[in-house]
Structures are given as structure tokens and as C-alpha cells.
Protein backbone atom coordinates (compact mmCIF):
# COMPACT_ATOMS: atom_id res chain seq x y z
CA UNK A 1 89.24 100.93 112.17
CA UNK A 2 90.33 102.96 109.17
CA UNK A 3 91.49 106.51 109.86
CA UNK A 4 90.09 109.09 107.47
CA UNK A 5 92.48 111.04 105.28
CA UNK A 6 93.11 114.72 105.80
CA UNK A 7 91.19 115.49 102.61
CA UNK A 8 88.13 113.56 103.82
CA UNK A 9 88.25 115.35 107.17
CA UNK A 10 88.55 118.72 105.45
CA UNK A 11 85.51 118.00 103.23
CA UNK A 12 83.44 116.90 106.20
CA UNK A 13 84.45 119.94 108.29
CA UNK A 14 83.28 122.26 105.51
CA UNK A 15 79.79 120.78 105.81
CA UNK A 16 79.55 121.37 109.59
CA UNK A 17 77.82 124.36 111.11
CA UNK A 18 79.65 126.89 113.26
CA UNK A 19 78.23 125.41 116.46
CA UNK A 20 79.20 121.87 115.45
CA UNK A 21 82.75 123.03 114.71
CA UNK A 22 83.01 124.67 118.13
CA UNK A 23 81.84 121.46 119.80
CA UNK A 24 84.37 119.39 117.83
CA UNK A 25 87.22 121.72 118.77
CA UNK A 26 86.26 121.68 122.43
CA UNK A 27 86.10 117.88 122.36
CA UNK A 28 89.62 117.77 120.91
CA UNK A 29 90.95 120.04 123.62
CA UNK A 30 89.43 117.94 126.39
CA UNK A 31 91.33 114.79 125.47
CA UNK A 32 94.89 116.00 125.07
CA UNK A 33 96.76 118.78 126.85
CA UNK A 34 98.92 119.42 123.80
CA UNK A 35 95.82 120.13 121.70
CA UNK A 36 94.66 122.61 124.32
CA UNK A 37 98.08 124.29 124.38
CA UNK A 38 98.13 124.54 120.59
CA UNK A 39 94.64 126.04 120.50
CA UNK A 40 95.59 128.55 123.20
CA UNK A 41 98.65 129.55 121.18
CA UNK A 42 96.63 129.94 117.98
CA UNK A 43 93.88 131.96 119.65
CA UNK A 44 95.81 134.17 122.05
CA UNK A 45 99.51 134.28 121.21
CA UNK A 46 100.10 133.77 117.49
CA UNK A 47 99.33 137.43 116.75
CA UNK A 48 101.89 138.57 119.34
CA UNK A 49 104.92 136.47 118.45
CA UNK A 50 107.48 138.66 120.25
CA UNK A 51 105.49 138.46 123.47
CA UNK A 52 105.23 134.68 122.99
CA UNK A 53 109.02 134.44 122.55
CA UNK A 54 109.74 136.47 125.68
CA UNK A 55 107.22 134.41 127.66
CA UNK A 56 108.85 131.14 126.58
CA UNK A 57 112.34 132.54 127.25
CA UNK A 58 111.35 133.45 130.81
CA UNK A 59 109.91 129.94 131.24
CA UNK A 60 113.20 128.48 129.96
CA UNK A 61 115.13 130.62 132.47
CA UNK A 62 112.84 129.41 135.24
CA UNK A 63 113.31 125.77 134.26
CA UNK A 64 117.08 126.18 134.13
CA UNK A 65 116.99 127.80 137.57
CA UNK A 66 115.21 124.76 138.99
CA UNK A 67 117.63 122.15 137.62
CA UNK A 68 118.68 119.58 140.19
CA UNK A 69 122.48 119.48 140.33
CA UNK A 70 122.91 116.19 142.23
CA UNK A 71 124.66 114.44 139.37
CA UNK A 72 125.52 114.85 135.72
CA UNK A 73 122.85 112.30 134.82
CA UNK A 74 120.10 114.34 136.51
CA UNK A 75 121.40 117.61 135.04
CA UNK A 76 121.35 116.12 131.55
CA UNK A 77 117.90 114.63 132.11
CA UNK A 78 116.53 118.03 133.17
CA UNK A 79 118.15 119.74 130.18
CA UNK A 80 116.60 117.22 127.79
CA UNK A 81 113.21 117.94 129.38
CA UNK A 82 113.70 121.67 128.74
CA UNK A 83 114.72 120.94 125.16
CA UNK A 84 111.54 118.90 124.59
CA UNK A 85 109.50 121.82 125.91
CA UNK A 86 111.23 124.19 123.48
CA UNK A 87 110.69 121.86 120.53
CA UNK A 88 106.98 121.67 121.36
CA UNK A 89 106.73 125.48 121.42
CA UNK A 90 108.60 125.69 118.12
CA UNK A 91 106.14 123.22 116.58
CA UNK A 92 103.26 125.44 117.68
CA UNK A 93 104.77 128.57 116.14
CA UNK A 94 106.31 127.14 112.95
CA UNK A 95 108.21 130.41 112.41
CA UNK A 96 111.96 130.29 111.84
CA UNK A 97 112.57 133.51 113.80
CA UNK A 98 110.88 132.03 116.85
CA UNK A 99 112.78 128.78 116.46
CA UNK A 100 116.14 130.51 116.23
CA UNK A 101 115.43 132.89 119.13
CA UNK A 102 114.36 130.06 121.44
CA UNK A 103 117.24 127.78 120.47
CA UNK A 104 119.80 130.57 120.97
CA UNK A 105 118.31 131.33 124.37
CA UNK A 106 118.53 127.62 125.23
CA UNK A 107 122.19 127.60 124.14
CA UNK A 108 122.99 130.64 126.29
CA UNK A 109 121.56 128.90 129.35
CA UNK A 110 123.32 125.67 128.46
CA UNK A 111 126.66 127.50 128.22
CA UNK A 112 126.07 128.97 131.70
CA UNK A 113 125.44 125.48 133.08
CA UNK A 114 128.49 124.16 131.25
CA UNK A 115 130.71 126.89 132.71
CA UNK A 116 129.36 126.58 136.27
CA UNK A 117 129.73 122.83 136.48
CA UNK A 118 132.33 120.46 135.20
CA UNK A 119 132.59 119.89 131.47
CA UNK A 120 130.23 117.21 130.27
CA UNK A 121 130.48 115.64 126.83
CA UNK A 122 126.73 115.00 126.54
CA UNK A 123 125.89 118.66 127.21
CA UNK A 124 128.62 119.72 124.79
CA UNK A 125 127.13 117.48 122.09
CA UNK A 126 123.66 118.92 122.82
CA UNK A 127 125.06 122.42 122.39
CA UNK A 128 126.84 121.49 119.16
CA UNK A 129 123.66 119.95 117.77
CA UNK A 130 121.59 123.01 118.65
CA UNK A 131 124.11 125.27 116.92
CA UNK A 132 123.90 123.10 113.78
CA UNK A 133 120.09 123.34 113.83
CA UNK A 134 120.27 127.12 114.27
CA UNK A 135 122.65 127.47 111.32
CA UNK A 136 120.33 125.42 109.09
CA UNK A 137 117.33 127.53 110.11
CA UNK A 138 119.27 130.76 109.49
CA UNK A 139 119.43 129.93 105.80
CA UNK A 140 115.65 130.50 105.52
CA UNK A 141 115.69 134.02 106.96
CA UNK A 142 116.15 137.42 105.36
CA UNK A 143 119.78 138.61 105.20
CA UNK A 144 119.31 141.32 107.85
CA UNK A 145 117.81 138.86 110.32
CA UNK A 146 120.53 136.36 109.47
CA UNK A 147 123.15 138.93 110.38
CA UNK A 148 121.47 139.80 113.70
CA UNK A 149 121.07 136.19 114.76
CA UNK A 150 124.58 135.34 113.55
CA UNK A 151 125.93 138.04 115.90
CA UNK A 152 123.97 136.54 118.79
CA UNK A 153 125.21 133.08 117.90
CA UNK A 154 128.81 134.27 117.74
CA UNK A 155 128.54 135.64 121.31
CA UNK A 156 127.34 132.22 122.43
CA UNK A 157 130.25 130.57 120.62
CA UNK A 158 132.71 132.97 122.28
CA UNK A 159 131.34 131.95 125.68
CA UNK A 160 131.81 128.29 124.75
CA UNK A 161 135.45 128.92 123.85
CA UNK A 162 136.20 130.41 127.29
């Protein structure tokens, strides 16, 4: 079966009535949870980005609080799960400010875990990689925002050094 191109889909969607479009969207949301989450973000949260960021940050804190500390393997596995959740939320938003804020918050929590429990090279590499991604994303922001986020990032880096 040949999959239609995005252009073909766009042309066909323009010919649909409002009711047909609603039915198509509802069908999409029934089959995949991620589609439903994206639609919920677009409808209810995209207009209130700061509220969305704080909601995701509190969810990140909650997930970090429920990490199982039996072994380094399980800790790392749980942290990777949290990181996947953050990446999904960043994909929904597609705003650099949101991306940077969520990644910095993730790094802060990761530093806390790193300081509470023995040093782990995998977690350190995760932290280093996140900092690299944040620095790349900072280049796309306005200078004032860059300065603010750079200050936040420097506090995280100071915590890593201790």
C-alpha cells in the first residue's frame, strides 16, 4: 500500500467539511495515545506555555522522586525513561524556551541524584550531553533570554563541580 504524500493529504483535507475533519481527528486520537496527548497540548496548553512548563517540571520532580534506587542499572533506566518523557513534551511544544527550561530542570534533578548516590559515568555522560544540547538551543534565543538561561546553566555546572 502506497502512503500518500503530505501535499496530497493537505489537498484532500481542504475538501473535507468541518464535521468530517472532526471525525478524522477523533479517529486519529483513538488509535494512538501520543496523538491524543499532542491534540490535548495543542487545544488546551499551547496558549499557556509557562503553565505547561511548570506542569511538566512538577511531573519531572515527581518521576525523580519515584526512582527506584536498588542499583545503578535501575537508576539509569528510570532516568532514561524520564528523559524520553521530556523529549516527547519538547516535540509537542517545538519552542526553544520550553526545550531549554525542561532540559535545565532535568539537569538540576540529575545533579541531585548524582550527588546523593555514588558517581556514575553513564549519568555523568547523560548530563554532559544535555548541557551540550542546551548550549546549541541557546544560540537560537534572543540575547536577554540567552543570558538568563546561561545563568541558570552556570548554577547547574557549579553544582556538578562540587
